[in-house]
Amino acid sequence: MKTIQILGGAGFIGKNLITYLVKSGYQVSCMDHTKIENPCKGVSYIQGDFFDEKELQSVIKGKDCVIHAVSTLNPGNSNELYMQGYEKDFIQTVRLCRMLIGTTTKLIFLSSGGTVYGVHDDQPISEDVIPHPINHYGNIKLCIENTMRSFNYQTHNKMLIVRISNPYGPGQDFTKGVGFIDAALKQALNEKPVEIWGDGENVRDYIYIEDVCKMICSLLEYSGPYDTFNISSGIGYSQNEVVELIRRQGLDLQVVYKGKRSVDIKKIILDNSRIKTVWRYQPMSLEKGMQKYLKYLQQTI
C-alpha cells in the first residue's frame, strides 16, 4: 500500500483527492493549518504549518508521494498580495524540493492551468507553449514549476506538475475567490443573481472535480519522460453559455454584469491529450457534470 502525504488537504481539491485516494486503496495523510471538518475515515490528519521546516520535514519523511496543494493566494488578490506569495509559497516550496533530494519520494505540484499560460491565440493550449502569466498568482506557480524542473535534473523526474483548468463540484466555495459554476448554481438555488466581471464572453475549460482526482491519481504510477500535464476537459464554454445551461435545468438565474477585471484572460482551453495517454478515459461533459453537482447541492443546501 503506497503512502501519500497531502499538503493543504483542507481545500477544495485536497478534500476530494483524499476521498478518492482512500477509495483507491492508498494510505493517506493530510496536513493543513486549519482543523479538518468532516474528516475522511482512515486518514491521518495533522493540523500543522507547511511553513514550519521541521514540521514539514517530519510529515513528508518516508512517504511514497507528496501532493502539494498549498497556496496562500488566489488569482483575484495576487496582484495586491504578491510579496506574500513569493516570500512564503515560493520559498517554502523550494525548501520542500530540497528536502526530497536523495529520497525516492515523488512530488506532485498542483499548479494553475489558466493563469500560468496567459494570453494565447492558438487554442487549446498544449504544455509545450511558452507561458506568459498576466498576474502574480500565475507567475508564482510558474516560478515554482521552473524550480522543480531544475531539481528534476537531480531527481530524475520525480517531481511532476499538474496544470489544472477550472474545476468545479462538491466542496467548492466560490466566496474564497474562485469557482464560477459553484457561484452560479448556488446563487440560482438561493434565488440571488450571480456577478459576471465583463460581458460574459470569457471562455474557460471547466472540469468536474472527480475527473481532476482521477487524472492526478493516474500519475502516481507514472515514470515517463514528461514533467508537466494539463488537467482539463479540452472544451471551452463562455460564462454566458454556462448561465444558459443552468437555466435549462429549470433554474431562474439572474446575472449582474460588472466591469472587466485586468486579472482575467479572455479565453483559456487546455489540450488534455498528454494526460489522456496516462488516463485513457473521457472526461465528464459539462452538462452532465453540472447536473450531477446540482443534484448534490439540492440534497445538501
Protein backbone atom coordinates (compact mmCIF):
# COMPACT_ATOMS: atom_id res chain seq x y z
CA MET A 1 0.00 0.00 0.00
CA LYS A 2 1.57 3.29 -1.11
CA THR A 3 1.70 6.18 1.35
CA ILE A 4 0.51 9.60 0.17
CA GLN A 5 1.05 12.88 2.03
CA ILE A 6 -1.25 15.73 1.02
CA LEU A 7 -0.15 19.24 1.92
CA GLY A 8 -3.13 21.58 2.04
CA GLY A 9 -5.77 18.88 2.27
CA ALA A 10 -8.48 21.13 3.73
CA GLY A 11 -9.03 22.88 0.42
CA PHE A 12 -11.49 22.02 -2.33
CA ILE A 13 -9.17 19.88 -4.44
CA GLY A 14 -7.36 18.44 -1.42
CA LYS A 15 -10.53 17.14 0.24
CA ASN A 16 -11.71 15.47 -2.94
CA LEU A 17 -8.28 13.95 -3.58
CA ILE A 18 -8.22 12.47 -0.08
CA THR A 19 -11.60 10.80 -0.58
CA TYR A 20 -10.63 9.39 -3.97
CA LEU A 21 -7.22 8.16 -2.80
CA VAL A 22 -8.71 6.34 0.18
CA LYS A 23 -11.32 4.68 -2.05
CA SER A 24 -8.48 3.64 -4.37
CA GLY A 25 -6.66 1.85 -1.55
CA TYR A 26 -3.87 4.29 -0.71
CA GLN A 27 -2.70 5.10 2.81
CA VAL A 28 -3.28 8.83 3.12
CA SER A 29 -2.01 11.52 5.50
CA CYS A 30 -3.07 15.15 5.40
CA MET A 31 -1.51 18.30 6.80
CA ASP A 32 -3.28 21.64 6.83
CA HIS A 33 -3.16 24.73 9.05
CA THR A 34 -6.92 24.52 9.67
CA LYS A 35 -8.84 21.84 11.52
CA ILE A 36 -10.47 19.43 9.09
CA GLU A 37 -14.26 19.33 9.26
CA ASN A 38 -15.92 16.00 8.46
CA PRO A 39 -12.65 14.02 8.31
CA CYS A 40 -12.42 11.05 5.99
CA LYS A 41 -12.28 7.70 7.78
CA GLY A 42 -8.88 6.05 7.71
CA VAL A 43 -6.90 9.26 7.04
CA SER A 44 -4.20 10.54 9.38
CA TYR A 45 -4.80 14.27 9.90
CA ILE A 46 -2.27 16.76 11.23
CA GLN A 47 -3.17 20.36 11.97
CA GLY A 48 0.23 21.78 11.16
CA ASP A 49 2.15 24.53 9.41
CA PHE A 50 3.52 23.98 5.90
CA PHE A 51 5.87 26.92 6.53
CA ASP A 52 7.49 25.27 9.57
CA GLU A 53 10.54 23.45 8.17
CA LYS A 54 10.86 20.89 10.96
CA GLU A 55 7.17 20.06 10.83
CA LEU A 56 7.22 19.78 7.05
CA GLN A 57 10.27 17.53 7.10
CA SER A 58 8.58 15.27 9.65
CA VAL A 59 5.35 14.72 7.70
CA ILE A 60 6.97 14.02 4.32
CA LYS A 61 9.60 11.61 5.64
CA GLY A 62 9.32 8.14 4.14
CA LYS A 63 6.24 8.87 2.01
CA ASP A 64 5.92 7.41 -1.47
CA CYS A 65 4.35 10.60 -2.82
CA VAL A 66 3.73 14.16 -1.64
CA ILE A 67 0.89 16.12 -3.25
CA HIS A 68 1.44 19.86 -2.81
CA ALA A 69 -1.86 21.77 -2.78
CA VAL A 70 -0.88 24.75 -0.59
CA SER A 71 -1.48 28.30 -1.82
CA THR A 72 -1.97 31.42 0.29
CA LEU A 73 -3.20 33.47 -2.70
CA ASN A 74 -5.87 33.32 -5.37
CA PRO A 75 -5.88 34.95 -8.85
CA GLY A 76 -8.10 37.80 -7.68
CA ASN A 77 -5.94 39.01 -4.79
CA SER A 78 -2.46 38.11 -6.07
CA ASN A 79 -1.72 41.49 -7.62
CA GLU A 80 -2.08 43.05 -4.18
CA LEU A 81 -0.61 40.27 -2.00
CA TYR A 82 2.12 39.12 -4.39
CA MET A 83 5.02 39.54 -1.94
CA GLN A 84 3.33 37.07 0.38
CA GLY A 85 3.26 34.56 -2.46
CA TYR A 86 6.93 35.00 -3.39
CA GLU A 87 8.23 35.16 0.18
CA LYS A 88 6.12 32.31 1.55
CA ASP A 89 4.64 29.98 -1.09
CA PHE A 90 7.59 30.08 -3.48
CA ILE A 91 10.45 29.99 -0.99
CA GLN A 92 8.94 27.21 1.14
CA THR A 93 8.29 25.08 -1.93
CA VAL A 94 11.96 25.45 -2.87
CA ARG A 95 12.77 24.13 0.61
CA LEU A 96 10.35 21.24 0.09
CA CYS A 97 12.08 20.29 -3.16
CA ARG A 98 15.44 20.42 -1.42
CA MET A 99 14.14 18.09 1.30
CA LEU A 100 13.27 15.49 -1.33
CA ILE A 101 16.72 15.38 -2.92
CA GLY A 102 18.25 11.95 -2.37
CA THR A 103 14.91 10.32 -1.50
CA THR A 104 12.58 8.13 -3.57
CA THR A 105 9.56 10.31 -2.77
CA LYS A 106 7.59 11.60 -5.76
CA LEU A 107 6.26 15.18 -5.67
CA ILE A 108 3.10 16.27 -7.50
CA PHE A 109 2.53 20.04 -7.51
CA LEU A 110 -0.91 21.49 -8.18
CA SER A 111 -0.25 24.41 -10.49
CA SER A 112 -2.73 26.56 -12.44
CA GLY A 113 -3.83 25.91 -16.00
CA GLY A 114 -5.39 29.27 -16.70
CA THR A 115 -3.12 31.78 -15.00
CA VAL A 116 0.22 30.16 -15.88
CA TYR A 117 -0.30 30.25 -19.66
CA GLY A 118 -1.60 33.79 -20.06
CA VAL A 119 -2.87 35.05 -23.42
CA HIS A 120 -2.50 32.73 -26.42
CA ASP A 121 -4.23 32.88 -29.79
CA ASP A 122 -3.94 29.17 -30.56
CA GLN A 123 -6.37 27.06 -28.55
CA PRO A 124 -6.40 24.51 -26.99
CA ILE A 125 -3.06 25.25 -25.34
CA SER A 126 -0.50 22.47 -25.03
CA GLU A 127 2.07 22.05 -22.28
CA ASP A 128 4.84 22.96 -24.74
CA VAL A 129 3.86 26.60 -25.33
CA ILE A 130 5.82 29.37 -23.62
CA PRO A 131 3.82 30.61 -20.60
CA HIS A 132 3.10 34.34 -20.21
CA PRO A 133 1.32 34.85 -16.86
CA ILE A 134 -0.61 38.11 -16.58
CA ASN A 135 -0.97 38.05 -12.79
CA HIS A 136 1.29 37.20 -9.88
CA TYR A 137 -0.69 34.10 -8.94
CA GLY A 138 0.26 32.51 -12.26
CA ASN A 139 3.82 33.79 -12.10
CA ILE A 140 4.38 32.36 -8.62
CA LYS A 141 3.10 29.00 -9.85
CA LEU A 142 5.47 29.23 -12.83
CA CYS A 143 8.43 30.13 -10.59
CA ILE A 144 7.70 27.00 -8.56
CA GLU A 145 7.40 24.91 -11.72
CA ASN A 146 10.75 26.07 -13.07
CA THR A 147 12.43 25.41 -9.74
CA MET A 148 11.04 21.87 -9.78
CA ARG A 149 12.39 21.33 -13.29
CA SER A 150 15.84 22.38 -12.10
CA PHE A 151 15.61 19.90 -9.22
CA ASN A 152 14.43 17.21 -11.63
CA TYR A 153 17.90 17.07 -13.15
CA GLN A 154 18.99 15.74 -9.77
CA THR A 155 15.95 13.53 -9.03
CA HIS A 156 15.30 12.04 -12.49
CA ASN A 157 11.74 13.33 -12.99
CA LYS A 158 10.44 12.52 -9.51
CA MET A 159 8.70 15.92 -9.45
CA LEU A 160 5.56 16.36 -11.55
CA ILE A 161 3.44 19.42 -12.32
CA VAL A 162 -0.29 19.36 -13.00
CA ARG A 163 -1.82 22.46 -14.56
CA ILE A 164 -5.48 22.28 -13.62
CA SER A 165 -8.02 24.23 -15.68
CA ASN A 166 -11.27 25.26 -13.92
CA PRO A 167 -12.51 22.53 -11.55
CA TYR A 168 -15.99 22.53 -10.04
CA GLY A 169 -18.04 20.23 -7.87
CA PRO A 170 -18.75 19.21 -4.25
CA GLY A 171 -16.73 21.05 -1.64
CA GLN A 172 -16.05 24.18 -3.64
CA ASP A 173 -16.67 27.60 -2.08
CA PHE A 174 -16.83 30.48 -4.54
CA THR A 175 -16.66 33.05 -1.71
CA LYS A 176 -12.93 32.23 -1.44
CA GLY A 177 -12.32 33.84 -4.82
CA VAL A 178 -12.69 31.12 -7.47
CA GLY A 179 -15.45 28.95 -8.89
CA PHE A 180 -17.90 30.49 -11.37
CA ILE A 181 -20.03 27.36 -11.77
CA ASP A 182 -20.19 26.96 -8.00
CA ALA A 183 -21.28 30.60 -7.64
CA ALA A 184 -23.85 30.41 -10.42
CA LEU A 185 -25.53 27.23 -9.17
CA LYS A 186 -25.63 28.30 -5.53
CA GLN A 187 -26.89 31.77 -6.35
CA ALA A 188 -29.59 30.28 -8.57
CA LEU A 189 -30.73 27.90 -5.82
CA ASN A 190 -30.82 30.80 -3.34
CA GLU A 191 -32.71 32.98 -5.86
CA LYS A 192 -29.91 35.53 -5.99
CA PRO A 193 -28.12 36.99 -9.03
CA VAL A 194 -24.62 35.92 -9.99
CA GLU A 195 -21.97 38.54 -10.76
CA ILE A 196 -20.02 38.41 -14.01
CA TRP A 197 -16.98 40.63 -14.47
CA GLY A 198 -17.12 41.77 -18.09
CA ASP A 199 -19.53 40.81 -20.87
CA GLY A 200 -19.80 37.12 -20.01
CA GLU A 201 -17.87 36.01 -23.10
CA ASN A 202 -14.76 34.91 -21.21
CA VAL A 203 -14.20 31.23 -22.10
CA ARG A 204 -12.96 28.66 -19.62
CA ASP A 205 -12.21 24.94 -19.63
CA TYR A 206 -14.42 23.56 -16.84
CA ILE A 207 -13.73 20.09 -15.46
CA TYR A 208 -15.62 18.10 -12.83
CA ILE A 209 -13.61 17.56 -9.64
CA GLU A 210 -13.96 13.77 -9.79
CA ASP A 211 -12.17 13.72 -13.15
CA VAL A 212 -9.46 16.00 -11.75
CA CYS A 213 -8.81 13.48 -8.97
CA LYS A 214 -8.73 10.55 -11.38
CA MET A 215 -6.24 12.28 -13.68
CA ILE A 216 -3.94 13.31 -10.84
CA CYS A 217 -4.04 9.85 -9.25
CA SER A 218 -3.15 8.23 -12.56
CA LEU A 219 0.22 10.00 -12.27
CA LEU A 220 1.10 8.25 -9.01
CA GLU A 221 2.44 5.33 -11.05
CA TYR A 222 3.79 7.44 -13.92
CA SER A 223 7.50 7.17 -14.73
CA GLY A 224 7.63 8.54 -18.28
CA PRO A 225 9.58 11.44 -19.81
CA TYR A 226 7.16 14.33 -19.15
CA ASP A 227 7.11 16.51 -16.05
CA THR A 228 4.06 18.66 -16.86
CA PHE A 229 0.44 17.69 -17.55
CA ASN A 230 -2.68 19.70 -18.33
CA ILE A 231 -5.67 18.52 -16.29
CA SER A 232 -8.69 19.62 -18.29
CA SER A 233 -11.74 18.73 -20.32
CA GLY A 234 -10.26 20.18 -23.52
CA ILE A 235 -13.52 22.04 -24.26
CA GLY A 236 -14.29 25.71 -23.62
CA TYR A 237 -17.52 27.40 -22.55
CA SER A 238 -18.25 31.08 -22.02
CA GLN A 239 -19.82 32.27 -18.78
CA ASN A 240 -22.96 33.18 -20.73
CA GLU A 241 -23.15 29.61 -22.06
CA VAL A 242 -22.82 28.29 -18.51
CA VAL A 243 -25.70 30.54 -17.44
CA GLU A 244 -27.87 29.17 -20.26
CA LEU A 245 -27.05 25.57 -19.29
CA ILE A 246 -28.17 26.34 -15.74
CA ARG A 247 -31.40 27.92 -16.97
CA ARG A 248 -32.10 24.75 -18.97
CA GLN A 249 -32.15 22.93 -15.62
CA GLY A 250 -35.24 24.94 -14.74
CA LEU A 251 -33.45 27.49 -12.55
CA ASP A 252 -34.19 31.20 -12.94
CA LEU A 253 -30.64 32.52 -12.73
CA GLN A 254 -30.24 36.29 -12.99
CA VAL A 255 -26.95 37.95 -13.93
CA VAL A 256 -25.39 41.24 -12.86
CA TYR A 257 -22.64 42.34 -15.25
CA LYS A 258 -19.80 44.38 -13.76
CA GLY A 259 -16.64 45.99 -15.11
CA LYS A 260 -13.95 43.85 -16.70
CA ARG A 261 -11.02 42.88 -14.42
CA SER A 262 -7.39 43.18 -15.52
CA VAL A 263 -6.54 39.76 -13.99
CA ASP A 264 -8.97 37.90 -16.26
CA ILE A 265 -7.91 36.29 -19.54
CA LYS A 266 -10.41 36.21 -22.40
CA LYS A 267 -10.04 32.56 -23.39
CA ILE A 268 -8.31 29.52 -21.90
CA ILE A 269 -8.81 25.98 -23.20
CA LEU A 270 -6.19 23.36 -22.34
CA ASP A 271 -5.09 20.49 -24.54
CA ASN A 272 -5.52 17.29 -22.48
CA SER A 273 -4.04 14.83 -24.99
CA ARG A 274 -0.91 14.24 -22.88
CA ILE A 275 -2.73 13.21 -19.68
CA LYS A 276 -5.02 11.00 -21.76
CA THR A 277 -2.02 8.87 -22.71
CA VAL A 278 -1.85 8.00 -19.00
CA TRP A 279 -5.55 8.22 -18.04
CA ARG A 280 -7.26 6.74 -21.09
CA TYR A 281 -10.85 7.83 -20.45
CA GLN A 282 -13.19 10.62 -21.47
CA PRO A 283 -13.85 13.46 -19.00
CA MET A 284 -17.44 14.11 -17.99
CA SER A 285 -19.29 16.59 -20.21
CA LEU A 286 -20.07 19.99 -18.72
CA GLU A 287 -23.82 19.42 -18.95
CA LYS A 288 -23.62 16.06 -17.17
CA GLY A 289 -21.20 17.40 -14.57
CA MET A 290 -23.40 20.38 -13.79
CA GLN A 291 -26.44 18.12 -13.47
CA LYS A 292 -24.51 15.92 -11.04
CA TYR A 293 -23.32 18.88 -8.98
CA LEU A 294 -26.77 20.49 -8.98
CA LYS A 295 -28.30 17.27 -7.65
CA TYR A 296 -25.67 17.20 -4.91
CA LEU A 297 -26.36 20.82 -3.95
CA GLN A 298 -30.12 20.29 -3.89
CA GLN A 299 -29.60 17.48 -1.37
CA THR A 300 -27.23 19.44 0.85
CA ILE A 301 -28.34 23.09 0.82
